[in-house]
Amino acid sequence: TADDAARIAAVGWALGLNRGILVGVPPPAGQTLESGRIEAAVSVALAAVERRGLRGPDVTPFLLAAIAEATGGESVAANLALLENNARVGAEIAVALCRQFAV
């Protein structure tokens, strides 16, 4: 829970472990693509990256566009749902941290 994540962070900081924590958040239910379909789209897109000789900062935008095209835009919707969910969970953890340190 958000409270658990906040407690873990607060205890670590109290112990002098001046580090962050990594929180894994699954994609929201009903907002994912079938794994075989996305893996196929990624494989085709990666092969295109190699054929075109793309490197560095050119790779990610190309991959995202190619995967979006291959999935009819469904990958974009899934990525946005994941980002929104991550923001919601991050906000919940921030609120829980505020409660941990409230005086």
PDB file of N, CA and C in Angstrom:
ATOM      1  N   THR A   1       0.832  -1.186   0.000  1.00  0.00           N
ATOM      2  CA  THR A   1       0.000   0.000   0.000  1.00  0.00           C
ATOM      3  C   THR A   1       0.878   1.251   0.000  1.00  0.00           C
ATOM      4  N   ALA A   2       0.258   2.370  -0.241  1.00  0.00           N
ATOM      5  CA  ALA A   2       0.994   3.638  -0.185  1.00  0.00           C
ATOM      6  C   ALA A   2       1.570   3.859   1.202  1.00  0.00           C
ATOM      7  N   ASP A   3       0.792   3.510   2.226  1.00  0.00           N
ATOM      8  CA  ASP A   3       1.289   3.663   3.598  1.00  0.00           C
ATOM      9  C   ASP A   3       2.503   2.777   3.847  1.00  0.00           C
ATOM     10  N   ASP A   4       2.479   1.560   3.315  1.00  0.00           N
ATOM     11  CA  ASP A   4       3.624   0.657   3.474  1.00  0.00           C
ATOM     12  C   ASP A   4       4.866   1.238   2.800  1.00  0.00           C
ATOM     13  N   ALA A   5       4.701   1.735   1.583  1.00  0.00           N
ATOM     14  CA  ALA A   5       5.837   2.321   0.862  1.00  0.00           C
ATOM     15  C   ALA A   5       6.394   3.518   1.623  1.00  0.00           C
ATOM     16  N   ALA A   6       5.512   4.358   2.149  1.00  0.00           N
ATOM     17  CA  ALA A   6       5.962   5.519   2.925  1.00  0.00           C
ATOM     18  C   ALA A   6       6.690   5.094   4.183  1.00  0.00           C
ATOM     19  N   ARG A   7       6.164   4.075   4.852  1.00  0.00           N
ATOM     20  CA  ARG A   7       6.805   3.579   6.086  1.00  0.00           C
ATOM     21  C   ARG A   7       8.201   3.023   5.774  1.00  0.00           C
ATOM     22  N   ILE A   8       8.318   2.262   4.697  1.00  0.00           N
ATOM     23  CA  ILE A   8       9.618   1.697   4.305  1.00  0.00           C
ATOM     24  C   ILE A   8      10.617   2.823   4.033  1.00  0.00           C
ATOM     25  N   ALA A   9      10.177   3.837   3.282  1.00  0.00           N
ATOM     26  CA  ALA A   9      11.060   4.967   2.987  1.00  0.00           C
ATOM     27  C   ALA A   9      11.457   5.695   4.262  1.00  0.00           C
ATOM     28  N   ALA A  10      10.486   5.969   5.125  1.00  0.00           N
ATOM     29  CA  ALA A  10      10.757   6.715   6.357  1.00  0.00           C
ATOM     30  C   ALA A  10      11.720   5.964   7.268  1.00  0.00           C
ATOM     31  N   VAL A  11      11.547   4.666   7.393  1.00  0.00           N
ATOM     32  CA  VAL A  11      12.448   3.870   8.232  1.00  0.00           C
ATOM     33  C   VAL A  11      13.865   3.896   7.657  1.00  0.00           C
ATOM     34  N   GLY A  12      13.973   3.731   6.349  1.00  0.00           N
ATOM     35  CA  GLY A  12      15.296   3.784   5.720  1.00  0.00           C
ATOM     36  C   GLY A  12      15.980   5.110   5.957  1.00  0.00           C
ATOM     37  N   TRP A  13      15.237   6.189   5.799  1.00  0.00           N
ATOM     38  CA  TRP A  13      15.821   7.522   6.013  1.00  0.00           C
ATOM     39  C   TRP A  13      16.184   7.724   7.468  1.00  0.00           C
ATOM     40  N   ALA A  14      15.371   7.211   8.387  1.00  0.00           N
ATOM     41  CA  ALA A  14      15.674   7.336   9.818  1.00  0.00           C
ATOM     42  C   ALA A  14      16.949   6.582  10.172  1.00  0.00           C
ATOM     43  N   LEU A  15      17.217   5.516   9.433  1.00  0.00           N
ATOM     44  CA  LEU A  15      18.440   4.743   9.655  1.00  0.00           C
ATOM     45  C   LEU A  15      19.649   5.362   8.968  1.00  0.00           C
ATOM     46  N   GLY A  16      19.458   6.487   8.296  1.00  0.00           N
ATOM     47  CA  GLY A  16      20.566   7.149   7.616  1.00  0.00           C
ATOM     48  C   GLY A  16      20.829   6.617   6.221  1.00  0.00           C
ATOM     49  N   LEU A  17      19.929   5.809   5.709  1.00  0.00           N
ATOM     50  CA  LEU A  17      20.071   5.287   4.345  1.00  0.00           C
ATOM     51  C   LEU A  17      19.463   6.311   3.391  1.00  0.00           C
ATOM     52  N   ASN A  18      20.246   7.260   2.983  1.00  0.00           N
ATOM     53  CA  ASN A  18      19.762   8.365   2.160  1.00  0.00           C
ATOM     54  C   ASN A  18      19.621   7.920   0.703  1.00  0.00           C
ATOM     55  N   ARG A  19      18.666   7.064   0.498  1.00  0.00           N
ATOM     56  CA  ARG A  19      18.414   6.499  -0.815  1.00  0.00           C
ATOM     57  C   ARG A  19      16.913   6.560  -1.088  1.00  0.00           C
ATOM     58  N   GLY A  20      16.567   6.403  -2.337  1.00  0.00           N
ATOM     59  CA  GLY A  20      15.163   6.310  -2.713  1.00  0.00           C
ATOM     60  C   GLY A  20      14.699   4.871  -2.631  1.00  0.00           C
ATOM     61  N   ILE A  21      13.455   4.666  -2.961  1.00  0.00           N
ATOM     62  CA  ILE A  21      12.921   3.311  -3.038  1.00  0.00           C
ATOM     63  C   ILE A  21      12.318   3.124  -4.422  1.00  0.00           C
ATOM     64  N   LEU A  22      12.308   1.909  -4.877  1.00  0.00           N
ATOM     65  CA  LEU A  22      11.709   1.567  -6.163  1.00  0.00           C
ATOM     66  C   LEU A  22      10.383   0.878  -5.881  1.00  0.00           C
ATOM     67  N   VAL A  23       9.331   1.408  -6.453  1.00  0.00           N
ATOM     68  CA  VAL A  23       7.997   0.847  -6.270  1.00  0.00           C
ATOM     69  C   VAL A  23       7.520   0.337  -7.622  1.00  0.00           C
ATOM     70  N   GLY A  24       7.252  -0.953  -7.699  1.00  0.00           N
ATOM     71  CA  GLY A  24       6.729  -1.542  -8.928  1.00  0.00           C
ATOM     72  C   GLY A  24       5.212  -1.458  -8.941  1.00  0.00           C
ATOM     73  N   VAL A  25       4.677  -0.880  -9.998  1.00  0.00           N
ATOM     74  CA  VAL A  25       3.233  -0.708 -10.115  1.00  0.00           C
ATOM     75  C   VAL A  25       2.765  -1.447 -11.374  1.00  0.00           C
ATOM     76  N   PRO A  26       1.890  -2.430 -11.221  1.00  0.00           N
ATOM     77  CA  PRO A  26       1.406  -3.152 -12.404  1.00  0.00           C
ATOM     78  C   PRO A  26       0.494  -2.262 -13.249  1.00  0.00           C
ATOM     79  N   PRO A  27       0.382  -2.582 -14.524  1.00  0.00           N
ATOM     80  CA  PRO A  27      -0.545  -1.808 -15.353  1.00  0.00           C
ATOM     81  C   PRO A  27      -1.975  -2.008 -14.865  1.00  0.00           C
ATOM     82  N   PRO A  28      -2.821  -1.014 -15.075  1.00  0.00           N
ATOM     83  CA  PRO A  28      -4.207  -1.145 -14.620  1.00  0.00           C
ATOM     84  C   PRO A  28      -4.922  -2.278 -15.347  1.00  0.00           C
ATOM     85  N   ALA A  29      -5.760  -2.985 -14.614  1.00  0.00           N
ATOM     86  CA  ALA A  29      -6.513  -4.099 -15.188  1.00  0.00           C
ATOM     87  C   ALA A  29      -7.361  -3.608 -16.356  1.00  0.00           C
ATOM     88  N   GLY A  30      -7.381  -4.395 -17.406  1.00  0.00           N
ATOM     89  CA  GLY A  30      -8.179  -4.063 -18.573  1.00  0.00           C
ATOM     90  C   GLY A  30      -7.544  -3.061 -19.507  1.00  0.00           C
ATOM     91  N   GLN A  31      -6.342  -2.604 -19.193  1.00  0.00           N
ATOM     92  CA  GLN A  31      -5.673  -1.597 -20.012  1.00  0.00           C
ATOM     93  C   GLN A  31      -4.420  -2.126 -20.692  1.00  0.00           C
ATOM     94  N   THR A  32      -4.245  -3.426 -20.697  1.00  0.00           N
ATOM     95  CA  THR A  32      -3.042  -4.008 -21.273  1.00  0.00           C
ATOM     96  C   THR A  32      -3.348  -4.643 -22.622  1.00  0.00           C
ATOM     97  N   LEU A  33      -2.301  -4.893 -23.371  1.00  0.00           N
ATOM     98  CA  LEU A  33      -2.416  -5.603 -24.637  1.00  0.00           C
ATOM     99  C   LEU A  33      -1.985  -7.048 -24.420  1.00  0.00           C
ATOM    100  N   GLU A  34      -2.482  -7.922 -25.223  1.00  0.00           N
ATOM    101  CA  GLU A  34      -2.094  -9.337 -25.148  1.00  0.00           C
ATOM    102  C   GLU A  34      -0.588  -9.425 -25.402  1.00  0.00           C
ATOM    103  N   SER A  35       0.112 -10.179 -24.551  1.00  0.00           N
ATOM    104  CA  SER A  35       1.576 -10.177 -24.585  1.00  0.00           C
ATOM    105  C   SER A  35       2.147 -10.624 -25.923  1.00  0.00           C
ATOM    106  N   GLY A  36       1.552 -11.644 -26.547  1.00  0.00           N
ATOM    107  CA  GLY A  36       2.062 -12.101 -27.842  1.00  0.00           C
ATOM    108  C   GLY A  36       1.966 -11.027 -28.907  1.00  0.00           C
ATOM    109  N   ARG A  37       0.902 -10.267 -28.849  1.00  0.00           N
ATOM    110  CA  ARG A  37       0.697  -9.199 -29.836  1.00  0.00           C
ATOM    111  C   ARG A  37       1.724  -8.086 -29.659  1.00  0.00           C
ATOM    112  N   ILE A  38       1.950  -7.677 -28.426  1.00  0.00           N
ATOM    113  CA  ILE A  38       2.906  -6.593 -28.191  1.00  0.00           C
ATOM    114  C   ILE A  38       4.335  -7.068 -28.460  1.00  0.00           C
ATOM    115  N   GLU A  39       4.635  -8.317 -28.098  1.00  0.00           N
ATOM    116  CA  GLU A  39       5.971  -8.855 -28.368  1.00  0.00           C
ATOM    117  C   GLU A  39       6.247  -8.916 -29.853  1.00  0.00           C
ATOM    118  N   ALA A  40       5.249  -9.287 -30.640  1.00  0.00           N
ATOM    119  CA  ALA A  40       5.419  -9.326 -32.098  1.00  0.00           C
ATOM    120  C   ALA A  40       5.665  -7.917 -32.639  1.00  0.00           C
ATOM    121  N   ALA A  41       4.904  -6.937 -32.150  1.00  0.00           N
ATOM    122  CA  ALA A  41       5.073  -5.560 -32.609  1.00  0.00           C
ATOM    123  C   ALA A  41       6.455  -5.033 -32.245  1.00  0.00           C
ATOM    124  N   VAL A  42       6.911  -5.336 -31.039  1.00  0.00           N
ATOM    125  CA  VAL A  42       8.238  -4.893 -30.594  1.00  0.00           C
ATOM    126  C   VAL A  42       9.322  -5.555 -31.444  1.00  0.00           C
ATOM    127  N   SER A  43       9.181  -6.838 -31.718  1.00  0.00           N
ATOM    128  CA  SER A  43      10.173  -7.558 -32.516  1.00  0.00           C
ATOM    129  C   SER A  43      10.301  -6.962 -33.910  1.00  0.00           C
ATOM    130  N   VAL A  44       9.175  -6.700 -34.542  1.00  0.00           N
ATOM    131  CA  VAL A  44       9.191  -6.098 -35.884  1.00  0.00           C
ATOM    132  C   VAL A  44       9.818  -4.706 -35.822  1.00  0.00           C
ATOM    133  N   ALA A  45       9.455  -3.921 -34.805  1.00  0.00           N
ATOM    134  CA  ALA A  45       9.990  -2.564 -34.674  1.00  0.00           C
ATOM    135  C   ALA A  45      11.500  -2.582 -34.426  1.00  0.00           C
ATOM    136  N   LEU A  46      11.968  -3.509 -33.597  1.00  0.00           N
ATOM    137  CA  LEU A  46      13.411  -3.611 -33.334  1.00  0.00           C
ATOM    138  C   LEU A  46      14.177  -4.007 -34.594  1.00  0.00           C
ATOM    139  N   ALA A  47      13.610  -4.892 -35.385  1.00  0.00           N
ATOM    140  CA  ALA A  47      14.250  -5.278 -36.645  1.00  0.00           C
ATOM    141  C   ALA A  47      14.347  -4.065 -37.570  1.00  0.00           C
ATOM    142  N   ALA A  48      13.316  -3.238 -37.588  1.00  0.00           N
ATOM    143  CA  ALA A  48      13.333  -2.028 -38.415  1.00  0.00           C
ATOM    144  C   ALA A  48      14.394  -1.044 -37.926  1.00  0.00           C
ATOM    145  N   VAL A  49      14.572  -0.957 -36.612  1.00  0.00           N
ATOM    146  CA  VAL A  49      15.619  -0.098 -36.045  1.00  0.00           C
ATOM    147  C   VAL A  49      16.980  -0.539 -36.574  1.00  0.00           C
ATOM    148  N   GLU A  50      17.223  -1.841 -36.539  1.00  0.00           N
ATOM    149  CA  GLU A  50      18.505  -2.374 -37.024  1.00  0.00           C
ATOM    150  C   GLU A  50      18.686  -2.109 -38.514  1.00  0.00           C
ATOM    151  N   ARG A  51      17.641  -2.381 -39.299  1.00  0.00           N
ATOM    152  CA  ARG A  51      17.731  -2.148 -40.753  1.00  0.00           C
ATOM    153  C   ARG A  51      18.044  -0.692 -41.071  1.00  0.00           C
ATOM    154  N   ARG A  52      17.457   0.209 -40.318  1.00  0.00           N
ATOM    155  CA  ARG A  52      17.652   1.637 -40.572  1.00  0.00           C
ATOM    156  C   ARG A  52      18.926   2.179 -39.929  1.00  0.00           C
ATOM    157  N   GLY A  53      19.546   1.378 -39.077  1.00  0.00           N
ATOM    158  CA  GLY A  53      20.772   1.815 -38.411  1.00  0.00           C
ATOM    159  C   GLY A  53      20.543   2.932 -37.403  1.00  0.00           C
ATOM    160  N   LEU A  54      19.368   2.952 -36.808  1.00  0.00           N
ATOM    161  CA  LEU A  54      19.067   3.995 -35.827  1.00  0.00           C
ATOM    162  C   LEU A  54      19.844   3.748 -34.543  1.00  0.00           C
ATOM    163  N   ARG A  55      20.256   4.832 -33.919  1.00  0.00           N
ATOM    164  CA  ARG A  55      21.009   4.746 -32.670  1.00  0.00           C
ATOM    165  C   ARG A  55      20.613   5.888 -31.752  1.00  0.00           C
ATOM    166  N   GLY A  56      20.932   5.737 -30.482  1.00  0.00           N
ATOM    167  CA  GLY A  56      20.772   6.802 -29.505  1.00  0.00           C
ATOM    168  C   GLY A  56      19.350   7.318 -29.388  1.00  0.00           C
ATOM    169  N   PRO A  57      19.220   8.647 -29.363  1.00  0.00           N
ATOM    170  CA  PRO A  57      17.911   9.247 -29.099  1.00  0.00           C
ATOM    171  C   PRO A  57      16.882   9.041 -30.212  1.00  0.00           C
ATOM    172  N   ASP A  58      17.311   8.530 -31.355  1.00  0.00           N
ATOM    173  CA  ASP A  58      16.359   8.275 -32.448  1.00  0.00           C
ATOM    174  C   ASP A  58      15.575   6.985 -32.248  1.00  0.00           C
ATOM    175  N   VAL A  59      16.062   6.096 -31.391  1.00  0.00           N
ATOM    176  CA  VAL A  59      15.462   4.770 -31.261  1.00  0.00           C
ATOM    177  C   VAL A  59      14.090   4.805 -30.587  1.00  0.00           C
ATOM    178  N   THR A  60      13.996   5.430 -29.425  1.00  0.00           N
ATOM    179  CA  THR A  60      12.740   5.372 -28.665  1.00  0.00           C
ATOM    180  C   THR A  60      11.550   5.962 -29.425  1.00  0.00           C
ATOM    181  N   PRO A  61      11.657   7.166 -29.991  1.00  0.00           N
ATOM    182  CA  PRO A  61      10.494   7.688 -30.714  1.00  0.00           C
ATOM    183  C   PRO A  61      10.099   6.803 -31.901  1.00  0.00           C
ATOM    184  N   PHE A  62      11.097   6.231 -32.574  1.00  0.00           N
ATOM    185  CA  PHE A  62      10.794   5.347 -33.689  1.00  0.00           C
ATOM    186  C   PHE A  62      10.060   4.104 -33.200  1.00  0.00           C
ATOM    187  N   LEU A  63      10.573   3.496 -32.127  1.00  0.00           N
ATOM    188  CA  LEU A  63       9.932   2.297 -31.585  1.00  0.00           C
ATOM    189  C   LEU A  63       8.502   2.572 -31.151  1.00  0.00           C
ATOM    190  N   LEU A  64       8.298   3.654 -30.429  1.00  0.00           N
ATOM    191  CA  LEU A  64       6.945   3.974 -29.957  1.00  0.00           C
ATOM    192  C   LEU A  64       5.987   4.182 -31.127  1.00  0.00           C
ATOM    193  N   ALA A  65       6.446   4.879 -32.164  1.00  0.00           N
ATOM    194  CA  ALA A  65       5.591   5.126 -33.329  1.00  0.00           C
ATOM    195  C   ALA A  65       5.296   3.829 -34.079  1.00  0.00           C
ATOM    196  N   ALA A  66       6.318   2.995 -34.254  1.00  0.00           N
ATOM    197  CA  ALA A  66       6.133   1.736 -34.980  1.00  0.00           C
ATOM    198  C   ALA A  66       5.200   0.790 -34.216  1.00  0.00           C
ATOM    199  N   ILE A  67       5.350   0.733 -32.910  1.00  0.00           N
ATOM    200  CA  ILE A  67       4.493  -0.135 -32.091  1.00  0.00           C
ATOM    201  C   ILE A  67       3.060   0.410 -32.078  1.00  0.00           C
ATOM    202  N   ALA A  68       2.917   1.722 -32.001  1.00  0.00           N
ATOM    203  CA  ALA A  68       1.586   2.333 -32.046  1.00  0.00           C
ATOM    204  C   ALA A  68       0.894   2.005 -33.366  1.00  0.00           C
ATOM    205  N   GLU A  69       1.628   2.099 -34.444  1.00  0.00           N
ATOM    206  CA  GLU A  69       1.053   1.781 -35.752  1.00  0.00           C
ATOM    207  C   GLU A  69       0.658   0.311 -35.827  1.00  0.00           C
ATOM    208  N   ALA A  70       1.529  -0.558 -35.356  1.00  0.00           N
ATOM    209  CA  ALA A  70       1.269  -2.006 -35.418  1.00  0.00           C
ATOM    210  C   ALA A  70       0.081  -2.426 -34.553  1.00  0.00           C
ATOM    211  N   THR A  71      -0.203  -1.659 -33.502  1.00  0.00           N
ATOM    212  CA  THR A  71      -1.303  -2.015 -32.594  1.00  0.00           C
ATOM    213  C   THR A  71      -2.542  -1.148 -32.825  1.00  0.00           C
ATOM    214  N   GLY A  72      -2.532  -0.392 -33.887  1.00  0.00           N
ATOM    215  CA  GLY A  72      -3.679   0.472 -34.151  1.00  0.00           C
ATOM    216  C   GLY A  72      -3.912   1.514 -33.083  1.00  0.00           C
ATOM    217  N   GLY A  73      -2.839   1.956 -32.451  1.00  0.00           N
ATOM    218  CA  GLY A  73      -2.928   2.975 -31.404  1.00  0.00           C
ATOM    219  C   GLY A  73      -3.223   2.435 -30.016  1.00  0.00           C
ATOM    220  N   GLU A  74      -3.478   1.141 -29.904  1.00  0.00           N
ATOM    221  CA  GLU A  74      -3.797   0.583 -28.586  1.00  0.00           C
ATOM    222  C   GLU A  74      -2.631   0.674 -27.619  1.00  0.00           C
ATOM    223  N   SER A  75      -1.391   0.590 -28.132  1.00  0.00           N
ATOM    224  CA  SER A  75      -0.235   0.699 -27.244  1.00  0.00           C
ATOM    225  C   SER A  75      -0.143   2.099 -26.637  1.00  0.00           C
ATOM    226  N   VAL A  76      -0.553   3.110 -27.379  1.00  0.00           N
ATOM    227  CA  VAL A  76      -0.545   4.478 -26.857  1.00  0.00           C
ATOM    228  C   VAL A  76      -1.535   4.594 -25.699  1.00  0.00           C
ATOM    229  N   ALA A  77      -2.729   4.058 -25.891  1.00  0.00           N
ATOM    230  CA  ALA A  77      -3.739   4.093 -24.830  1.00  0.00           C
ATOM    231  C   ALA A  77      -3.256   3.328 -23.599  1.00  0.00           C
ATOM    232  N   ALA A  78      -2.621   2.177 -23.815  1.00  0.00           N
ATOM    233  CA  ALA A  78      -2.114   1.387 -22.690  1.00  0.00           C
ATOM    234  C   ALA A  78      -0.999   2.130 -21.959  1.00  0.00           C
ATOM    235  N   ASN A  79      -0.098   2.784 -22.704  1.00  0.00           N
ATOM    236  CA  ASN A  79       0.991   3.543 -22.078  1.00  0.00           C
ATOM    237  C   ASN A  79       0.443   4.723 -21.284  1.00  0.00           C
ATOM    238  N   LEU A  80      -0.559   5.405 -21.821  1.00  0.00           N
ATOM    239  CA  LEU A  80      -1.153   6.529 -21.093  1.00  0.00           C
ATOM    240  C   LEU A  80      -1.844   6.056 -19.816  1.00  0.00           C
ATOM    241  N   ALA A  81      -2.541   4.927 -19.893  1.00  0.00           N
ATOM    242  CA  ALA A  81      -3.190   4.377 -18.696  1.00  0.00           C
ATOM    243  C   ALA A  81      -2.151   4.024 -17.640  1.00  0.00           C
ATOM    244  N   LEU A  82      -1.026   3.454 -18.073  1.00  0.00           N
ATOM    245  CA  LEU A  82       0.046   3.113 -17.141  1.00  0.00           C
ATOM    246  C   LEU A  82       0.634   4.373 -16.510  1.00  0.00           C
ATOM    247  N   LEU A  83       0.887   5.400 -17.311  1.00  0.00           N
ATOM    248  CA  LEU A  83       1.428   6.650 -16.779  1.00  0.00           C
ATOM    249  C   LEU A  83       0.474   7.292 -15.774  1.00  0.00           C
ATOM    250  N   GLU A  84      -0.816   7.314 -16.111  1.00  0.00           N
ATOM    251  CA  GLU A  84      -1.796   7.884 -15.192  1.00  0.00           C
ATOM    252  C   GLU A  84      -1.855   7.093 -13.884  1.00  0.00           C
ATOM    253  N   ASN A  85      -1.794   5.769 -13.991  1.00  0.00           N
ATOM    254  CA  ASN A  85      -1.807   4.931 -12.792  1.00  0.00           C
ATOM    255  C   ASN A  85      -0.555   5.159 -11.951  1.00  0.00           C
ATOM    256  N   ASN A  86       0.595   5.266 -12.604  1.00  0.00           N
ATOM    257  CA  ASN A  86       1.839   5.532 -11.882  1.00  0.00           C
ATOM    258  C   ASN A  86       1.760   6.877 -11.155  1.00  0.00           C
ATOM    259  N   ALA A  87       1.195   7.880 -11.817  1.00  0.00           N
ATOM    260  CA  ALA A  87       1.060   9.199 -11.191  1.00  0.00           C
ATOM    261  C   ALA A  87       0.122   9.125  -9.983  1.00  0.00           C
ATOM    262  N   ARG A  88      -0.969   8.377 -10.123  1.00  0.00           N
ATOM    263  CA  ARG A  88      -1.910   8.227  -9.012  1.00  0.00           C
ATOM    264  C   ARG A  88      -1.230   7.561  -7.825  1.00  0.00           C
ATOM    265  N   VAL A  89      -0.511   6.462  -8.077  1.00  0.00           N
ATOM    266  CA  VAL A  89       0.170   5.742  -6.996  1.00  0.00           C
ATOM    267  C   VAL A  89       1.258   6.625  -6.380  1.00  0.00           C
ATOM    268  N   GLY A  90       2.002   7.346  -7.213  1.00  0.00           N
ATOM    269  CA  GLY A  90       3.027   8.251  -6.690  1.00  0.00           C
ATOM    270  C   GLY A  90       2.431   9.323  -5.792  1.00  0.00           C
ATOM    271  N   ALA A  91       1.282   9.851  -6.199  1.00  0.00           N
ATOM    272  CA  ALA A  91       0.607  10.861  -5.376  1.00  0.00           C
ATOM    273  C   ALA A  91       0.136  10.261  -4.056  1.00  0.00           C
ATOM    274  N   GLU A  92      -0.383   9.041  -4.097  1.00  0.00           N
ATOM    275  CA  GLU A  92      -0.817   8.377  -2.864  1.00  0.00           C
ATOM    276  C   GLU A  92       0.358   8.176  -1.912  1.00  0.00           C
ATOM    277  N   ILE A  93       1.516   7.811  -2.464  1.00  0.00           N
ATOM    278  CA  ILE A  93       2.709   7.628  -1.630  1.00  0.00           C
ATOM    279  C   ILE A  93       3.167   8.969  -1.070  1.00  0.00           C
ATOM    280  N   ALA A  94       3.116  10.022  -1.884  1.00  0.00           N
ATOM    281  CA  ALA A  94       3.503  11.358  -1.409  1.00  0.00           C
ATOM    282  C   ALA A  94       2.617  11.805  -0.250  1.00  0.00           C
ATOM    283  N   VAL A  95       1.317  11.575  -0.363  1.00  0.00           N
ATOM    284  CA  VAL A  95       0.393  11.934   0.721  1.00  0.00           C
ATOM    285  C   VAL A  95       0.720  11.111   1.973  1.00  0.00           C
ATOM    286  N   ALA A  96       0.979   9.822   1.785  1.00  0.00           N
ATOM    287  CA  ALA A  96       1.317   8.968   2.928  1.00  0.00           C
ATOM    288  C   ALA A  96       2.622   9.424   3.578  1.00  0.00           C
ATOM    289  N   LEU A  97       3.592   9.865   2.774  1.00  0.00           N
ATOM    290  CA  LEU A  97       4.844  10.388   3.335  1.00  0.00           C
ATOM    291  C   LEU A  97       4.586  11.655   4.138  1.00  0.00           C
ATOM    292  N   CYS A  98       3.717  12.511   3.629  1.00  0.00           N
ATOM    293  CA  CYS A  98       3.381  13.725   4.371  1.00  0.00           C
ATOM    294  C   CYS A  98       2.785  13.379   5.736  1.00  0.00           C
ATOM    295  N   ARG A  99       1.938  12.349   5.757  1.00  0.00           N
ATOM    296  CA  ARG A  99       1.352  11.925   7.036  1.00  0.00           C
ATOM    297  C   ARG A  99       2.443  11.373   7.965  1.00  0.00           C
ATOM    298  N   GLN A 100       3.440  10.674   7.389  1.00  0.00           N
ATOM    299  CA  GLN A 100       4.524  10.106   8.199  1.00  0.00           C
ATOM    300  C   GLN A 100       5.310  11.214   8.914  1.00  0.00           C
ATOM    301  N   PHE A 101       5.494  12.323   8.219  1.00  0.00           N
ATOM    302  CA  PHE A 101       6.347  13.384   8.753  1.00  0.00           C
ATOM    303  C   PHE A 101       5.566  14.561   9.310  1.00  0.00           C
ATOM    304  N   ALA A 102       4.247  14.424   9.405  1.00  0.00           N
ATOM    305  CA  ALA A 102       3.427  15.505   9.956  1.00  0.00           C
ATOM    306  C   ALA A 102       3.780  15.722  11.415  1.00  0.00           C
ATOM    307  N   VAL A 103       3.886  16.943  11.783  1.00  0.00           N
ATOM    308  CA  VAL A 103       4.258  17.269  13.168  1.00  0.00           C
ATOM    309  C   VAL A 103       3.030  17.715  13.931  1.00  0.00           C
TER     310      VAL A 103
END
